Amino acid sequence: MFNLTKRRSLIVYYSGHRVLRNLHHYGQLRYTSKHFHYAVLYVNQDSYEDVKKRIQHLRSIKRVVDSARPDLDPTLTDLEQTGLYKQHDEDDYK
């Protein structure tokens, strides 16, 4: 049967575009923004911490940030019920 491998995404901020060639060795490079100098890299969950440390030590890497996606609640549908968002007078009512 087909098993999905657990993946985590890293947002990698860089200063030089040449480092993008090296990022392919650490995981799957899904998106790069050459204007804003960041890339989204998917790595395996089991080697996540090790890969993050190795990427931080590469030349022309400014910082490596964890993606917030695993921390989000996928069943969240209404922000008003959870208290994260309060409707103001200027907002359109339902």
C-alpha atoms as a PDB file:
ATOM      1  CA  MET A   1       0.000   0.000   0.000  1.00  0.00           C
ATOM      2  CA  PHE A   2       1.084   3.561  -0.611  1.00  0.00           C
ATOM      3  CA  ASN A   3       2.451   5.375   2.448  1.00  0.00           C
ATOM      4  CA  LEU A   4       2.726   9.141   2.652  1.00  0.00           C
ATOM      5  CA  THR A   5       5.920  10.469   4.137  1.00  0.00           C
ATOM      6  CA  LYS A   6       5.468  13.195   6.712  1.00  0.00           C
ATOM      7  CA  ARG A   7       6.863  16.467   5.392  1.00  0.00           C
ATOM      8  CA  ARG A   8       7.584  19.871   6.929  1.00  0.00           C
ATOM      9  CA  SER A   9       8.189  23.110   5.121  1.00  0.00           C
ATOM     10  CA  LEU A  10      10.950  25.591   5.795  1.00  0.00           C
ATOM     11  CA  ILE A  11      11.036  29.184   4.641  1.00  0.00           C
ATOM     12  CA  VAL A  12      14.642  30.001   3.759  1.00  0.00           C
ATOM     13  CA  TYR A  13      15.731  33.633   3.387  1.00  0.00           C
ATOM     14  CA  TYR A  14      18.875  34.103   1.323  1.00  0.00           C
ATOM     15  CA  SER A  15      21.033  36.923  -0.005  1.00  0.00           C
ATOM     16  CA  GLY A  16      22.464  35.339  -3.168  1.00  0.00           C
ATOM     17  CA  HIS A  17      20.631  33.362  -5.837  1.00  0.00           C
ATOM     18  CA  ARG A  18      23.457  30.855  -6.228  1.00  0.00           C
ATOM     19  CA  VAL A  19      22.458  29.143  -2.986  1.00  0.00           C
ATOM     20  CA  LEU A  20      19.257  27.908  -4.663  1.00  0.00           C
ATOM     21  CA  ARG A  21      21.301  25.285  -6.493  1.00  0.00           C
ATOM     22  CA  ASN A  22      22.471  23.856  -3.170  1.00  0.00           C
ATOM     23  CA  LEU A  23      19.006  23.767  -1.599  1.00  0.00           C
ATOM     24  CA  HIS A  24      17.929  20.995  -3.995  1.00  0.00           C
ATOM     25  CA  HIS A  25      20.200  18.603  -2.077  1.00  0.00           C
ATOM     26  CA  TYR A  26      18.335  19.110   1.210  1.00  0.00           C
ATOM     27  CA  GLY A  27      14.730  18.679   0.101  1.00  0.00           C
ATOM     28  CA  GLN A  28      12.119  19.537  -2.472  1.00  0.00           C
ATOM     29  CA  LEU A  29      12.282  23.181  -3.501  1.00  0.00           C
ATOM     30  CA  ARG A  30       8.673  24.209  -4.099  1.00  0.00           C
ATOM     31  CA  TYR A  31       8.774  27.976  -4.536  1.00  0.00           C
ATOM     32  CA  THR A  32      11.388  30.686  -4.915  1.00  0.00           C
ATOM     33  CA  SER A  33      10.922  34.432  -4.910  1.00  0.00           C
ATOM     34  CA  LYS A  34      13.888  36.111  -6.508  1.00  0.00           C
ATOM     35  CA  HIS A  35      12.481  39.547  -5.760  1.00  0.00           C
ATOM     36  CA  PHE A  36      11.910  39.003  -2.030  1.00  0.00           C
ATOM     37  CA  HIS A  37      14.840  36.556  -1.638  1.00  0.00           C
ATOM     38  CA  TYR A  38      13.117  33.585  -0.007  1.00  0.00           C
ATOM     39  CA  ALA A  39      12.375  29.984  -0.884  1.00  0.00           C
ATOM     40  CA  VAL A  40       9.950  27.339   0.391  1.00  0.00           C
ATOM     41  CA  LEU A  41      11.623  23.983   0.920  1.00  0.00           C
ATOM     42  CA  TYR A  42       9.881  20.725   1.892  1.00  0.00           C
ATOM     43  CA  VAL A  43      11.910  18.210   3.916  1.00  0.00           C
ATOM     44  CA  ASN A  44      11.122  14.871   5.559  1.00  0.00           C
ATOM     45  CA  GLN A  45       9.797  15.051   9.116  1.00  0.00           C
ATOM     46  CA  ASP A  46      12.370  12.626  10.544  1.00  0.00           C
ATOM     47  CA  SER A  47      15.385  14.599   9.255  1.00  0.00           C
ATOM     48  CA  TYR A  48      13.801  18.026   9.762  1.00  0.00           C
ATOM     49  CA  GLU A  49      15.961  19.349  12.636  1.00  0.00           C
ATOM     50  CA  ASP A  50      19.209  18.103  11.106  1.00  0.00           C
ATOM     51  CA  VAL A  51      18.467  19.655   7.713  1.00  0.00           C
ATOM     52  CA  LYS A  52      17.470  22.945   9.329  1.00  0.00           C
ATOM     53  CA  LYS A  53      20.813  23.180  11.160  1.00  0.00           C
ATOM     54  CA  ARG A  54      22.797  22.341   8.031  1.00  0.00           C
ATOM     55  CA  ILE A  55      20.945  24.933   5.937  1.00  0.00           C
ATOM     56  CA  GLN A  56      21.551  27.649   8.542  1.00  0.00           C
ATOM     57  CA  HIS A  57      25.307  27.135   8.197  1.00  0.00           C
ATOM     58  CA  LEU A  58      25.313  27.550   4.415  1.00  0.00           C
ATOM     59  CA  ARG A  59      26.881  30.634   2.932  1.00  0.00           C
ATOM     60  CA  SER A  60      24.494  33.513   1.991  1.00  0.00           C
ATOM     61  CA  ILE A  61      21.598  32.171   4.100  1.00  0.00           C
ATOM     62  CA  LYS A  62      20.109  34.923   6.253  1.00  0.00           C
ATOM     63  CA  ARG A  63      17.635  32.898   8.305  1.00  0.00           C
ATOM     64  CA  VAL A  64      15.517  29.749   8.279  1.00  0.00           C
ATOM     65  CA  VAL A  65      11.958  29.898   9.616  1.00  0.00           C
ATOM     66  CA  ASP A  66       9.585  27.039  10.432  1.00  0.00           C
ATOM     67  CA  SER A  67       6.299  27.038   8.590  1.00  0.00           C
ATOM     68  CA  ALA A  68       3.243  27.695  10.762  1.00  0.00           C
ATOM     69  CA  ARG A  69       1.032  25.338   8.788  1.00  0.00           C
ATOM     70  CA  PRO A  70       1.332  22.257  11.076  1.00  0.00           C
ATOM     71  CA  ASP A  71       0.271  24.404  14.041  1.00  0.00           C
ATOM     72  CA  LEU A  72      -2.953  25.588  12.408  1.00  0.00           C
ATOM     73  CA  ASP A  73      -6.257  23.918  13.222  1.00  0.00           C
ATOM     74  CA  PRO A  74      -7.683  22.400   9.994  1.00  0.00           C
ATOM     75  CA  THR A  75     -11.212  22.280  11.412  1.00  0.00           C
ATOM     76  CA  LEU A  76     -11.343  26.011  12.129  1.00  0.00           C
ATOM     77  CA  THR A  77     -14.195  27.513  10.145  1.00  0.00           C
ATOM     78  CA  ASP A  78     -15.460  30.544  12.052  1.00  0.00           C
ATOM     79  CA  LEU A  79     -12.987  32.992  13.541  1.00  0.00           C
ATOM     80  CA  GLU A  80     -15.656  34.833  15.528  1.00  0.00           C
ATOM     81  CA  GLN A  81     -16.572  31.742  17.567  1.00  0.00           C
ATOM     82  CA  THR A  82     -12.974  31.136  18.596  1.00  0.00           C
ATOM     83  CA  GLY A  83     -12.420  34.753  19.603  1.00  0.00           C
ATOM     84  CA  LEU A  84      -9.629  35.349  17.107  1.00  0.00           C
ATOM     85  CA  TYR A  85     -11.645  37.932  15.201  1.00  0.00           C
ATOM     86  CA  LYS A  86     -14.269  40.380  16.391  1.00  0.00           C
ATOM     87  CA  GLN A  87     -16.652  41.971  13.950  1.00  0.00           C
ATOM     88  CA  HIS A  88     -16.553  45.767  13.926  1.00  0.00           C
ATOM     89  CA  ASP A  89     -19.206  48.324  13.054  1.00  0.00           C
ATOM     90  CA  GLU A  90     -17.607  48.980   9.664  1.00  0.00           C
ATOM     91  CA  ASP A  91     -17.805  45.319   8.639  1.00  0.00           C
ATOM     92  CA  ASP A  92     -20.711  44.023   6.598  1.00  0.00           C
ATOM     93  CA  TYR A  93     -23.135  42.002   8.667  1.00  0.00           C
ATOM     94  CA  LYS A  94     -24.419  38.655   7.518  1.00  0.00           C
END
